[in-house]
Amino acid sequence: MVHVNNYSASYYFIDDVSVVDCTVGVDELTDDMQVSIYPNPSQGIFEVKSEKYKIQSIEVFNVLGEKIYNEEIKDITATINLQAPPGVYFMQVHTEKGILRKKFVKE
C-alpha cells in the first residue's frame, strides 16, 4: 500500500496476459469459393453468384451486427433487393461447403 497526500492507493500488477483468437463452431471459407456480389456499390439490387457451390442461404448484417435480411436460396445465383438505408453492410453466404463473408455498399 502506498500513501500519497493522505490518500491510500494500491497497485496491482498483472503478468502473463495473452490475447488469443478463438472463433468456434463456424466453418468460414475463403475467396476460393469464388462468390461474387455485383454491382458493388449498388442502389439496392445485388446479384450474388457462386462459381463452385450451391448457395443455401444469404444473410445481411449492418455495421452493428444486426441481421437485416435473410433468405433461403438453393441455387448458384440469387438476386436480393436490400430495402435499407445507404451504408456499408456484410453478407454471409451459406453454401454446401461453408460460410463466406463479404462486405458491400448500398448507395
PDB file of N, CA and C in Angstrom:
ATOM      1  N   MET A   1       0.846  -1.159   0.000  1.00  0.00           N
ATOM      2  CA  MET A   1       0.000   0.000   0.000  1.00  0.00           C
ATOM      3  C   MET A   1       0.900   1.232   0.000  1.00  0.00           C
ATOM      4  N   VAL A   2       0.471   2.252  -0.743  1.00  0.00           N
ATOM      5  CA  VAL A   2       1.230   3.480  -0.886  1.00  0.00           C
ATOM      6  C   VAL A   2       0.397   4.625  -0.321  1.00  0.00           C
ATOM      7  N   HIS A   3       1.031   5.530   0.404  1.00  0.00           N
ATOM      8  CA  HIS A   3       0.336   6.692   0.954  1.00  0.00           C
ATOM      9  C   HIS A   3       0.852   7.950   0.260  1.00  0.00           C
ATOM     10  N   VAL A   4      -0.081   8.718  -0.353  1.00  0.00           N
ATOM     11  CA  VAL A   4       0.276   9.956  -1.043  1.00  0.00           C
ATOM     12  C   VAL A   4      -0.732  11.020  -0.643  1.00  0.00           C
ATOM     13  N   ASN A   5      -0.249  12.130  -0.061  1.00  0.00           N
ATOM     14  CA  ASN A   5      -1.102  13.258   0.339  1.00  0.00           C
ATOM     15  C   ASN A   5      -2.341  12.797   1.116  1.00  0.00           C
ATOM     16  N   ASN A   6      -2.142  12.003   2.120  1.00  0.00           N
ATOM     17  CA  ASN A   6      -3.217  11.495   2.984  1.00  0.00           C
ATOM     18  C   ASN A   6      -4.187  10.548   2.279  1.00  0.00           C
ATOM     19  N   TYR A   7      -3.850  10.037   1.110  1.00  0.00           N
ATOM     20  CA  TYR A   7      -4.666   9.049   0.405  1.00  0.00           C
ATOM     21  C   TYR A   7      -3.907   7.737   0.340  1.00  0.00           C
ATOM     22  N   SER A   8      -4.640   6.668   0.419  1.00  0.00           N
ATOM     23  CA  SER A   8      -4.028   5.355   0.288  1.00  0.00           C
ATOM     24  C   SER A   8      -4.340   4.795  -1.089  1.00  0.00           C
ATOM     25  N   ALA A   9      -3.403   4.151  -1.676  1.00  0.00           N
ATOM     26  CA  ALA A   9      -3.595   3.564  -3.002  1.00  0.00           C
ATOM     27  C   ALA A   9      -2.918   2.205  -3.051  1.00  0.00           C
ATOM     28  N   SER A  10      -3.482   1.329  -3.862  1.00  0.00           N
ATOM     29  CA  SER A  10      -2.893   0.017  -4.078  1.00  0.00           C
ATOM     30  C   SER A  10      -2.618  -0.166  -5.552  1.00  0.00           C
ATOM     31  N   TYR A  11      -1.605  -0.895  -5.872  1.00  0.00           N
ATOM     32  CA  TYR A  11      -1.261  -1.187  -7.252  1.00  0.00           C
ATOM     33  C   TYR A  11      -1.340  -2.692  -7.467  1.00  0.00           C
ATOM     34  N   TYR A  12      -1.886  -3.064  -8.591  1.00  0.00           N
ATOM     35  CA  TYR A  12      -1.944  -4.472  -8.956  1.00  0.00           C
ATOM     36  C   TYR A  12      -1.188  -4.654 -10.261  1.00  0.00           C
ATOM     37  N   PHE A  13      -0.301  -5.580 -10.281  1.00  0.00           N
ATOM     38  CA  PHE A  13       0.453  -5.891 -11.483  1.00  0.00           C
ATOM     39  C   PHE A  13      -0.033  -7.227 -12.014  1.00  0.00           C
ATOM     40  N   ILE A  14      -0.428  -7.235 -13.279  1.00  0.00           N
ATOM     41  CA  ILE A  14      -0.908  -8.458 -13.907  1.00  0.00           C
ATOM     42  C   ILE A  14       0.165  -8.935 -14.854  1.00  0.00           C
ATOM     43  N   ASP A  15       0.510 -10.179 -14.719  1.00  0.00           N
ATOM     44  CA  ASP A  15       1.579 -10.744 -15.519  1.00  0.00           C
ATOM     45  C   ASP A  15       1.047 -11.924 -16.314  1.00  0.00           C
ATOM     46  N   ASP A  16       1.713 -12.235 -17.391  1.00  0.00           N
ATOM     47  CA  ASP A  16       1.404 -13.409 -18.195  1.00  0.00           C
ATOM     48  C   ASP A  16       0.016 -13.306 -18.846  1.00  0.00           C
ATOM     49  N   VAL A  17      -0.242 -12.218 -19.575  1.00  0.00           N
ATOM     50  CA  VAL A  17      -1.501 -11.991 -20.281  1.00  0.00           C
ATOM     51  C   VAL A  17      -1.291 -12.304 -21.754  1.00  0.00           C
ATOM     52  N   SER A  18      -2.253 -12.986 -22.358  1.00  0.00           N
ATOM     53  CA  SER A  18      -2.158 -13.255 -23.793  1.00  0.00           C
ATOM     54  C   SER A  18      -3.517 -13.029 -24.435  1.00  0.00           C
ATOM     55  N   VAL A  19      -3.497 -12.644 -25.708  1.00  0.00           N
ATOM     56  CA  VAL A  19      -4.706 -12.441 -26.481  1.00  0.00           C
ATOM     57  C   VAL A  19      -4.747 -13.531 -27.541  1.00  0.00           C
ATOM     58  N   VAL A  20      -5.866 -14.270 -27.583  1.00  0.00           N
ATOM     59  CA  VAL A  20      -5.962 -15.421 -28.471  1.00  0.00           C
ATOM     60  C   VAL A  20      -7.231 -15.308 -29.302  1.00  0.00           C
ATOM     61  N   ASP A  21      -7.115 -15.525 -30.612  1.00  0.00           N
ATOM     62  CA  ASP A  21      -8.284 -15.585 -31.481  1.00  0.00           C
ATOM     63  C   ASP A  21      -8.968 -16.917 -31.248  1.00  0.00           C
ATOM     64  N   CYS A  22     -10.252 -16.872 -30.889  1.00  0.00           N
ATOM     65  CA  CYS A  22     -10.921 -18.122 -30.551  1.00  0.00           C
ATOM     66  C   CYS A  22     -12.289 -18.224 -31.226  1.00  0.00           C
ATOM     67  N   THR A  23     -12.300 -18.186 -32.553  1.00  0.00           N
ATOM     68  CA  THR A  23     -13.531 -18.411 -33.297  1.00  0.00           C
ATOM     69  C   THR A  23     -13.897 -19.880 -33.165  1.00  0.00           C
ATOM     70  N   VAL A  24     -15.141 -20.142 -32.798  1.00  0.00           N
ATOM     71  CA  VAL A  24     -15.542 -21.534 -32.597  1.00  0.00           C
ATOM     72  C   VAL A  24     -16.833 -21.832 -33.333  1.00  0.00           C
ATOM     73  N   GLY A  25     -16.948 -23.036 -33.823  1.00  0.00           N
ATOM     74  CA  GLY A  25     -18.211 -23.532 -34.341  1.00  0.00           C
ATOM     75  C   GLY A  25     -18.618 -23.100 -35.728  1.00  0.00           C
ATOM     76  N   VAL A  26     -17.774 -22.390 -36.488  1.00  0.00           N
ATOM     77  CA  VAL A  26     -18.166 -21.928 -37.815  1.00  0.00           C
ATOM     78  C   VAL A  26     -17.069 -22.294 -38.809  1.00  0.00           C
ATOM     79  N   ASP A  27     -17.451 -22.965 -39.887  1.00  0.00           N
ATOM     80  CA  ASP A  27     -16.513 -23.226 -40.966  1.00  0.00           C
ATOM     81  C   ASP A  27     -16.556 -22.029 -41.901  1.00  0.00           C
ATOM     82  N   GLU A  28     -15.577 -21.144 -41.766  1.00  0.00           N
ATOM     83  CA  GLU A  28     -15.549 -19.946 -42.585  1.00  0.00           C
ATOM     84  C   GLU A  28     -14.628 -20.195 -43.769  1.00  0.00           C
ATOM     85  N   LEU A  29     -15.141 -19.950 -44.964  1.00  0.00           N
ATOM     86  CA  LEU A  29     -14.380 -20.216 -46.169  1.00  0.00           C
ATOM     87  C   LEU A  29     -13.720 -18.952 -46.674  1.00  0.00           C
ATOM     88  N   THR A  30     -12.781 -19.137 -47.555  1.00  0.00           N
ATOM     89  CA  THR A  30     -12.065 -18.008 -48.134  1.00  0.00           C
ATOM     90  C   THR A  30     -12.611 -17.724 -49.525  1.00  0.00           C
ATOM     91  N   ASP A  31     -12.005 -16.751 -50.199  1.00  0.00           N
ATOM     92  CA  ASP A  31     -12.472 -16.348 -51.519  1.00  0.00           C
ATOM     93  C   ASP A  31     -12.279 -17.410 -52.593  1.00  0.00           C
ATOM     94  N   ASP A  32     -11.650 -18.541 -52.258  1.00  0.00           N
ATOM     95  CA  ASP A  32     -11.509 -19.591 -53.264  1.00  0.00           C
ATOM     96  C   ASP A  32     -12.867 -20.191 -53.630  1.00  0.00           C
ATOM     97  N   MET A  33     -13.909 -19.836 -52.875  1.00  0.00           N
ATOM     98  CA  MET A  33     -15.264 -20.268 -53.234  1.00  0.00           C
ATOM     99  C   MET A  33     -15.741 -19.540 -54.479  1.00  0.00           C
ATOM    100  N   GLN A  34     -15.134 -18.420 -54.817  1.00  0.00           N
ATOM    101  CA  GLN A  34     -15.481 -17.626 -55.989  1.00  0.00           C
ATOM    102  C   GLN A  34     -16.942 -17.178 -55.954  1.00  0.00           C
ATOM    103  N   VAL A  35     -17.327 -16.526 -54.863  1.00  0.00           N
ATOM    104  CA  VAL A  35     -18.643 -15.916 -54.748  1.00  0.00           C
ATOM    105  C   VAL A  35     -18.489 -14.441 -55.055  1.00  0.00           C
ATOM    106  N   SER A  36     -19.352 -13.934 -55.924  1.00  0.00           N
ATOM    107  CA  SER A  36     -19.266 -12.515 -56.280  1.00  0.00           C
ATOM    108  C   SER A  36     -20.580 -11.813 -55.962  1.00  0.00           C
ATOM    109  N   ILE A  37     -20.465 -10.533 -55.603  1.00  0.00           N
ATOM    110  CA  ILE A  37     -21.609  -9.658 -55.369  1.00  0.00           C
ATOM    111  C   ILE A  37     -21.447  -8.485 -56.325  1.00  0.00           C
ATOM    112  N   TYR A  38     -22.421  -8.285 -57.209  1.00  0.00           N
ATOM    113  CA  TYR A  38     -22.316  -7.168 -58.138  1.00  0.00           C
ATOM    114  C   TYR A  38     -23.687  -6.632 -58.477  1.00  0.00           C
ATOM    115  N   PRO A  39     -23.813  -5.397 -58.862  1.00  0.00           N
ATOM    116  CA  PRO A  39     -22.740  -4.393 -58.775  1.00  0.00           C
ATOM    117  C   PRO A  39     -22.476  -4.028 -57.317  1.00  0.00           C
ATOM    118  N   ASN A  40     -21.301  -3.593 -57.041  1.00  0.00           N
ATOM    119  CA  ASN A  40     -20.918  -3.185 -55.698  1.00  0.00           C
ATOM    120  C   ASN A  40     -20.016  -1.974 -55.800  1.00  0.00           C
ATOM    121  N   PRO A  41     -20.505  -0.802 -55.456  1.00  0.00           N
ATOM    122  CA  PRO A  41     -21.754  -0.460 -54.778  1.00  0.00           C
ATOM    123  C   PRO A  41     -22.958  -0.501 -55.715  1.00  0.00           C
ATOM    124  N   SER A  42     -24.156  -0.486 -55.086  1.00  0.00           N
ATOM    125  CA  SER A  42     -25.414  -0.567 -55.821  1.00  0.00           C
ATOM    126  C   SER A  42     -26.460   0.288 -55.129  1.00  0.00           C
ATOM    127  N   GLN A  43     -27.549   0.538 -55.850  1.00  0.00           N
ATOM    128  CA  GLN A  43     -28.684   1.259 -55.267  1.00  0.00           C
ATOM    129  C   GLN A  43     -29.534   0.357 -54.370  1.00  0.00           C
ATOM    130  N   GLY A  44     -29.278  -0.946 -54.385  1.00  0.00           N
ATOM    131  CA  GLY A  44     -30.012  -1.858 -53.510  1.00  0.00           C
ATOM    132  C   GLY A  44     -30.278  -3.224 -54.107  1.00  0.00           C
ATOM    133  N   ILE A  45     -30.153  -3.374 -55.424  1.00  0.00           N
ATOM    134  CA  ILE A  45     -30.360  -4.680 -56.059  1.00  0.00           C
ATOM    135  C   ILE A  45     -28.986  -5.280 -56.361  1.00  0.00           C
ATOM    136  N   PHE A  46     -28.724  -6.424 -55.731  1.00  0.00           N
ATOM    137  CA  PHE A  46     -27.431  -7.088 -55.852  1.00  0.00           C
ATOM    138  C   PHE A  46     -27.618  -8.485 -56.421  1.00  0.00           C
ATOM    139  N   GLU A  47     -26.716  -8.879 -57.294  1.00  0.00           N
ATOM    140  CA  GLU A  47     -26.665 -10.234 -57.831  1.00  0.00           C
ATOM    141  C   GLU A  47     -25.542 -10.971 -57.086  1.00  0.00           C
ATOM    142  N   VAL A  48     -25.885 -12.121 -56.513  1.00  0.00           N
ATOM    143  CA  VAL A  48     -24.905 -12.945 -55.799  1.00  0.00           C
ATOM    144  C   VAL A  48     -24.740 -14.225 -56.597  1.00  0.00           C
ATOM    145  N   LYS A  49     -23.490 -14.556 -56.920  1.00  0.00           N
ATOM    146  CA  LYS A  49     -23.238 -15.723 -57.769  1.00  0.00           C
ATOM    147  C   LYS A  49     -22.074 -16.528 -57.213  1.00  0.00           C
ATOM    148  N   SER A  50     -22.257 -17.848 -57.176  1.00  0.00           N
ATOM    149  CA  SER A  50     -21.203 -18.759 -56.752  1.00  0.00           C
ATOM    150  C   SER A  50     -20.768 -19.586 -57.955  1.00  0.00           C
ATOM    151  N   GLU A  51     -19.476 -19.664 -58.175  1.00  0.00           N
ATOM    152  CA  GLU A  51     -18.941 -20.416 -59.312  1.00  0.00           C
ATOM    153  C   GLU A  51     -18.843 -21.914 -59.028  1.00  0.00           C
ATOM    154  N   LYS A  52     -18.695 -22.290 -57.741  1.00  0.00           N
ATOM    155  CA  LYS A  52     -18.425 -23.693 -57.426  1.00  0.00           C
ATOM    156  C   LYS A  52     -19.525 -24.397 -56.645  1.00  0.00           C
ATOM    157  N   TYR A  53     -20.152 -23.692 -55.687  1.00  0.00           N
ATOM    158  CA  TYR A  53     -21.037 -24.362 -54.738  1.00  0.00           C
ATOM    159  C   TYR A  53     -22.431 -23.747 -54.747  1.00  0.00           C
ATOM    160  N   LYS A  54     -23.436 -24.567 -54.505  1.00  0.00           N
ATOM    161  CA  LYS A  54     -24.814 -24.097 -54.435  1.00  0.00           C
ATOM    162  C   LYS A  54     -24.993 -23.236 -53.183  1.00  0.00           C
ATOM    163  N   ILE A  55     -25.589 -22.062 -53.347  1.00  0.00           N
ATOM    164  CA  ILE A  55     -25.890 -21.173 -52.228  1.00  0.00           C
ATOM    165  C   ILE A  55     -27.117 -21.714 -51.510  1.00  0.00           C
ATOM    166  N   GLN A  56     -27.014 -21.870 -50.215  1.00  0.00           N
ATOM    167  CA  GLN A  56     -28.148 -22.351 -49.417  1.00  0.00           C
ATOM    168  C   GLN A  56     -28.954 -21.199 -48.845  1.00  0.00           C
ATOM    169  N   SER A  57     -28.271 -20.175 -48.361  1.00  0.00           N
ATOM    170  CA  SER A  57     -28.973 -19.012 -47.829  1.00  0.00           C
ATOM    171  C   SER A  57     -28.043 -17.809 -47.807  1.00  0.00           C
ATOM    172  N   ILE A  58     -28.661 -16.628 -47.689  1.00  0.00           N
ATOM    173  CA  ILE A  58     -27.922 -15.366 -47.616  1.00  0.00           C
ATOM    174  C   ILE A  58     -28.465 -14.589 -46.429  1.00  0.00           C
ATOM    175  N   GLU A  59     -27.552 -14.062 -45.623  1.00  0.00           N
ATOM    176  CA  GLU A  59     -27.907 -13.180 -44.518  1.00  0.00           C
ATOM    177  C   GLU A  59     -27.144 -11.877 -44.689  1.00  0.00           C
ATOM    178  N   VAL A  60     -27.790 -10.749 -44.344  1.00  0.00           N
ATOM    179  CA  VAL A  60     -27.138  -9.443 -44.417  1.00  0.00           C
ATOM    180  C   VAL A  60     -27.188  -8.819 -43.033  1.00  0.00           C
ATOM    181  N   PHE A  61     -26.037  -8.252 -42.611  1.00  0.00           N
ATOM    182  CA  PHE A  61     -25.904  -7.615 -41.309  1.00  0.00           C
ATOM    183  C   PHE A  61     -25.459  -6.170 -41.492  1.00  0.00           C
ATOM    184  N   ASN A  62     -25.961  -5.283 -40.627  1.00  0.00           N
ATOM    185  CA  ASN A  62     -25.484  -3.902 -40.657  1.00  0.00           C
ATOM    186  C   ASN A  62     -24.187  -3.812 -39.866  1.00  0.00           C
ATOM    187  N   VAL A  63     -23.615  -2.603 -39.774  1.00  0.00           N
ATOM    188  CA  VAL A  63     -22.324  -2.449 -39.096  1.00  0.00           C
ATOM    189  C   VAL A  63     -22.419  -2.678 -37.588  1.00  0.00           C
ATOM    190  N   LEU A  64     -23.635  -2.706 -37.037  1.00  0.00           N
ATOM    191  CA  LEU A  64     -23.822  -3.003 -35.617  1.00  0.00           C
ATOM    192  C   LEU A  64     -23.969  -4.495 -35.360  1.00  0.00           C
ATOM    193  N   GLY A  65     -23.941  -5.293 -36.437  1.00  0.00           N
ATOM    194  CA  GLY A  65     -24.073  -6.737 -36.301  1.00  0.00           C
ATOM    195  C   GLY A  65     -25.503  -7.225 -36.254  1.00  0.00           C
ATOM    196  N   GLU A  66     -26.473  -6.349 -36.539  1.00  0.00           N
ATOM    197  CA  GLU A  66     -27.879  -6.732 -36.530  1.00  0.00           C
ATOM    198  C   GLU A  66     -28.259  -7.343 -37.879  1.00  0.00           C
ATOM    199  N   LYS A  67     -28.926  -8.500 -37.840  1.00  0.00           N
ATOM    200  CA  LYS A  67     -29.368  -9.146 -39.067  1.00  0.00           C
ATOM    201  C   LYS A  67     -30.553  -8.363 -39.630  1.00  0.00           C
ATOM    202  N   ILE A  68     -30.413  -7.911 -40.896  1.00  0.00           N
ATOM    203  CA  ILE A  68     -31.475  -7.110 -41.502  1.00  0.00           C
ATOM    204  C   ILE A  68     -32.098  -7.799 -42.712  1.00  0.00           C
ATOM    205  N   TYR A  69     -31.521  -8.920 -43.133  1.00  0.00           N
ATOM    206  CA  TYR A  69     -32.042  -9.636 -44.307  1.00  0.00           C
ATOM    207  C   TYR A  69     -31.672 -11.096 -44.172  1.00  0.00           C
ATOM    208  N   ASN A  70     -32.598 -11.981 -44.559  1.00  0.00           N
ATOM    209  CA  ASN A  70     -32.338 -13.417 -44.534  1.00  0.00           C
ATOM    210  C   ASN A  70     -33.201 -14.075 -45.600  1.00  0.00           C
ATOM    211  N   GLU A  71     -32.584 -14.910 -46.438  1.00  0.00           N
ATOM    212  CA  GLU A  71     -33.346 -15.607 -47.475  1.00  0.00           C
ATOM    213  C   GLU A  71     -32.691 -16.947 -47.787  1.00  0.00           C
ATOM    214  N   GLU A  72     -33.506 -17.980 -47.928  1.00  0.00           N
ATOM    215  CA  GLU A  72     -33.018 -19.276 -48.397  1.00  0.00           C
ATOM    216  C   GLU A  72     -32.987 -19.243 -49.915  1.00  0.00           C
ATOM    217  N   ILE A  73     -31.959 -19.864 -50.517  1.00  0.00           N
ATOM    218  CA  ILE A  73     -31.743 -19.731 -51.959  1.00  0.00           C
ATOM    219  C   ILE A  73     -31.838 -21.074 -52.688  1.00  0.00           C
ATOM    220  N   LYS A  74     -30.958 -22.010 -52.413  1.00  0.00           N
ATOM    221  CA  LYS A  74     -30.888 -23.333 -53.051  1.00  0.00           C
ATOM    222  C   LYS A  74     -30.563 -23.257 -54.548  1.00  0.00           C
ATOM    223  N   ASP A  75     -29.638 -22.369 -54.913  1.00  0.00           N
ATOM    224  CA  ASP A  75     -29.219 -22.214 -56.306  1.00  0.00           C
ATOM    225  C   ASP A  75     -27.815 -21.611 -56.319  1.00  0.00           C
ATOM    226  N   ILE A  76     -27.185 -21.501 -57.498  1.00  0.00           N
ATOM    227  CA  ILE A  76     -25.856 -20.896 -57.566  1.00  0.00           C
ATOM    228  C   ILE A  76     -25.911 -19.381 -57.764  1.00  0.00           C
ATOM    229  N   THR A  77     -27.095 -18.845 -58.065  1.00  0.00           N
ATOM    230  CA  THR A  77     -27.241 -17.395 -58.197  1.00  0.00           C
ATOM    231  C   THR A  77     -28.476 -16.926 -57.427  1.00  0.00           C
ATOM    232  N   ALA A  78     -28.443 -15.669 -57.029  1.00  0.00           N
ATOM    233  CA  ALA A  78     -29.570 -15.067 -56.326  1.00  0.00           C
ATOM    234  C   ALA A  78     -29.549 -13.564 -56.567  1.00  0.00           C
ATOM    235  N   THR A  79     -30.723 -12.979 -56.589  1.00  0.00           N
ATOM    236  CA  THR A  79     -30.851 -11.524 -56.665  1.00  0.00           C
ATOM    237  C   THR A  79     -31.533 -11.072 -55.389  1.00  0.00           C
ATOM    238  N   ILE A  80     -30.899 -10.129 -54.690  1.00  0.00           N
ATOM    239  CA  ILE A  80     -31.518  -9.601 -53.482  1.00  0.00           C
ATOM    240  C   ILE A  80     -31.790  -8.115 -53.667  1.00  0.00           C
ATOM    241  N   ASN A  81     -32.914  -7.684 -53.129  1.00  0.00           N
ATOM    242  CA  ASN A  81     -33.293  -6.279 -53.166  1.00  0.00           C
ATOM    243  C   ASN A  81     -33.265  -5.788 -51.724  1.00  0.00           C
ATOM    244  N   LEU A  82     -32.192  -5.122 -51.368  1.00  0.00           N
ATOM    245  CA  LEU A  82     -31.983  -4.702 -49.992  1.00  0.00           C
ATOM    246  C   LEU A  82     -32.702  -3.385 -49.723  1.00  0.00           C
ATOM    247  N   GLN A  83     -33.730  -3.453 -48.910  1.00  0.00           N
ATOM    248  CA  GLN A  83     -34.501  -2.279 -48.505  1.00  0.00           C
ATOM    249  C   GLN A  83     -33.913  -1.759 -47.190  1.00  0.00           C
ATOM    250  N   ALA A  84     -32.830  -1.002 -47.299  1.00  0.00           N
ATOM    251  CA  ALA A  84     -32.131  -0.490 -46.122  1.00  0.00           C
ATOM    252  C   ALA A  84     -31.509   0.848 -46.481  1.00  0.00           C
ATOM    253  N   PRO A  85     -31.172   1.654 -45.491  1.00  0.00           N
ATOM    254  CA  PRO A  85     -30.532   2.936 -45.773  1.00  0.00           C
ATOM    255  C   PRO A  85     -29.165   2.750 -46.429  1.00  0.00           C
ATOM    256  N   PRO A  86     -28.678   3.756 -47.132  1.00  0.00           N
ATOM    257  CA  PRO A  86     -27.326   3.674 -47.698  1.00  0.00           C
ATOM    258  C   PRO A  86     -26.290   3.414 -46.601  1.00  0.00           C
ATOM    259  N   GLY A  87     -25.269   2.647 -46.941  1.00  0.00           N
ATOM    260  CA  GLY A  87     -24.211   2.369 -45.971  1.00  0.00           C
ATOM    261  C   GLY A  87     -23.439   1.119 -46.319  1.00  0.00           C
ATOM    262  N   VAL A  88     -22.602   0.706 -45.391  1.00  0.00           N
ATOM    263  CA  VAL A  88     -21.772  -0.490 -45.540  1.00  0.00           C
ATOM    264  C   VAL A  88     -22.478  -1.647 -44.831  1.00  0.00           C
ATOM    265  N   TYR A  89     -22.515  -2.795 -45.492  1.00  0.00           N
ATOM    266  CA  TYR A  89     -23.176  -3.983 -44.955  1.00  0.00           C
ATOM    267  C   TYR A  89     -22.268  -5.200 -45.141  1.00  0.00           C
ATOM    268  N   PHE A  90     -22.594  -6.260 -44.436  1.00  0.00           N
ATOM    269  CA  PHE A  90     -21.834  -7.502 -44.510  1.00  0.00           C
ATOM    270  C   PHE A  90     -22.786  -8.637 -44.862  1.00  0.00           C
ATOM    271  N   MET A  91     -22.411  -9.400 -45.870  1.00  0.00           N
ATOM    272  CA  MET A  91     -23.237 -10.501 -46.336  1.00  0.00           C
ATOM    273  C   MET A  91     -22.581 -11.821 -45.940  1.00  0.00           C
ATOM    274  N   GLN A  92     -23.377 -12.723 -45.383  1.00  0.00           N
ATOM    275  CA  GLN A  92     -22.941 -14.088 -45.113  1.00  0.00           C
ATOM    276  C   GLN A  92     -23.607 -14.976 -46.137  1.00  0.00           C
ATOM    277  N   VAL A  93     -22.804 -15.608 -46.967  1.00  0.00           N
ATOM    278  CA  VAL A  93     -23.304 -16.522 -47.981  1.00  0.00           C
ATOM    279  C   VAL A  93     -23.039 -17.937 -47.474  1.00  0.00           C
ATOM    280  N   HIS A  94     -24.116 -18.651 -47.178  1.00  0.00           N
ATOM    281  CA  HIS A  94     -24.016 -20.034 -46.698  1.00  0.00           C
ATOM    282  C   HIS A  94     -24.101 -20.949 -47.912  1.00  0.00           C
ATOM    283  N   THR A  95     -23.078 -21.776 -48.105  1.00  0.00           N
ATOM    284  CA  THR A  95     -23.077 -22.741 -49.203  1.00  0.00           C
ATOM    285  C   THR A  95     -23.008 -24.149 -48.615  1.00  0.00           C
ATOM    286  N   GLU A  96     -23.080 -25.126 -49.488  1.00  0.00           N
ATOM    287  CA  GLU A  96     -22.957 -26.514 -49.052  1.00  0.00           C
ATOM    288  C   GLU A  96     -21.560 -26.815 -48.515  1.00  0.00           C
ATOM    289  N   LYS A  97     -20.605 -25.944 -48.802  1.00  0.00           N
ATOM    290  CA  LYS A  97     -19.223 -26.128 -48.357  1.00  0.00           C
ATOM    291  C   LYS A  97     -18.921 -25.383 -47.057  1.00  0.00           C
ATOM    292  N   GLY A  98     -19.637 -24.290 -46.769  1.00  0.00           N
ATOM    293  CA  GLY A  98     -19.371 -23.497 -45.570  1.00  0.00           C
ATOM    294  C   GLY A  98     -19.926 -22.085 -45.719  1.00  0.00           C
ATOM    295  N   ILE A  99     -19.329 -21.149 -45.001  1.00  0.00           N
ATOM    296  CA  ILE A  99     -19.817 -19.768 -44.968  1.00  0.00           C
ATOM    297  C   ILE A  99     -18.732 -18.827 -45.477  1.00  0.00           C
ATOM    298  N   LEU A 100     -19.151 -17.879 -46.307  1.00  0.00           N
ATOM    299  CA  LEU A 100     -18.254 -16.833 -46.802  1.00  0.00           C
ATOM    300  C   LEU A 100     -18.844 -15.497 -46.404  1.00  0.00           C
ATOM    301  N   ARG A 101     -18.016 -14.597 -45.891  1.00  0.00           N
ATOM    302  CA  ARG A 101     -18.465 -13.258 -45.521  1.00  0.00           C
ATOM    303  C   ARG A 101     -17.861 -12.246 -46.473  1.00  0.00           C
ATOM    304  N   LYS A 102     -18.715 -11.318 -46.957  1.00  0.00           N
ATOM    305  CA  LYS A 102     -18.257 -10.281 -47.868  1.00  0.00           C
ATOM    306  C   LYS A 102     -18.858  -8.950 -47.454  1.00  0.00           C
ATOM    307  N   LYS A 103     -18.073  -7.887 -47.666  1.00  0.00           N
ATOM    308  CA  LYS A 103     -18.534  -6.536 -47.393  1.00  0.00           C
ATOM    309  C   LYS A 103     -19.048  -5.933 -48.690  1.00  0.00           C
ATOM    310  N   PHE A 104     -20.139  -5.141 -48.602  1.00  0.00           N
ATOM    311  CA  PHE A 104     -20.646  -4.454 -49.781  1.00  0.00           C
ATOM    312  C   PHE A 104     -21.265  -3.127 -49.370  1.00  0.00           C
ATOM    313  N   VAL A 105     -21.533  -2.276 -50.367  1.00  0.00           N
ATOM    314  CA  VAL A 105     -22.012  -0.922 -50.115  1.00  0.00           C
ATOM    315  C   VAL A 105     -23.319  -0.689 -50.852  1.00  0.00           C
ATOM    316  N   LYS A 106     -24.288  -0.144 -50.125  1.00  0.00           N
ATOM    317  CA  LYS A 106     -25.531   0.311 -50.733  1.00  0.00           C
ATOM    318  C   LYS A 106     -25.470   1.834 -50.800  1.00  0.00           C
ATOM    319  N   GLU A 107     -25.655   2.381 -51.992  1.00  0.00           N
ATOM    320  CA  GLU A 107     -25.600   3.838 -52.173  1.00  0.00           C
ATOM    321  C   GLU A 107     -26.923   4.482 -51.829  1.00  0.00           C
TER     322      GLU A 107
END
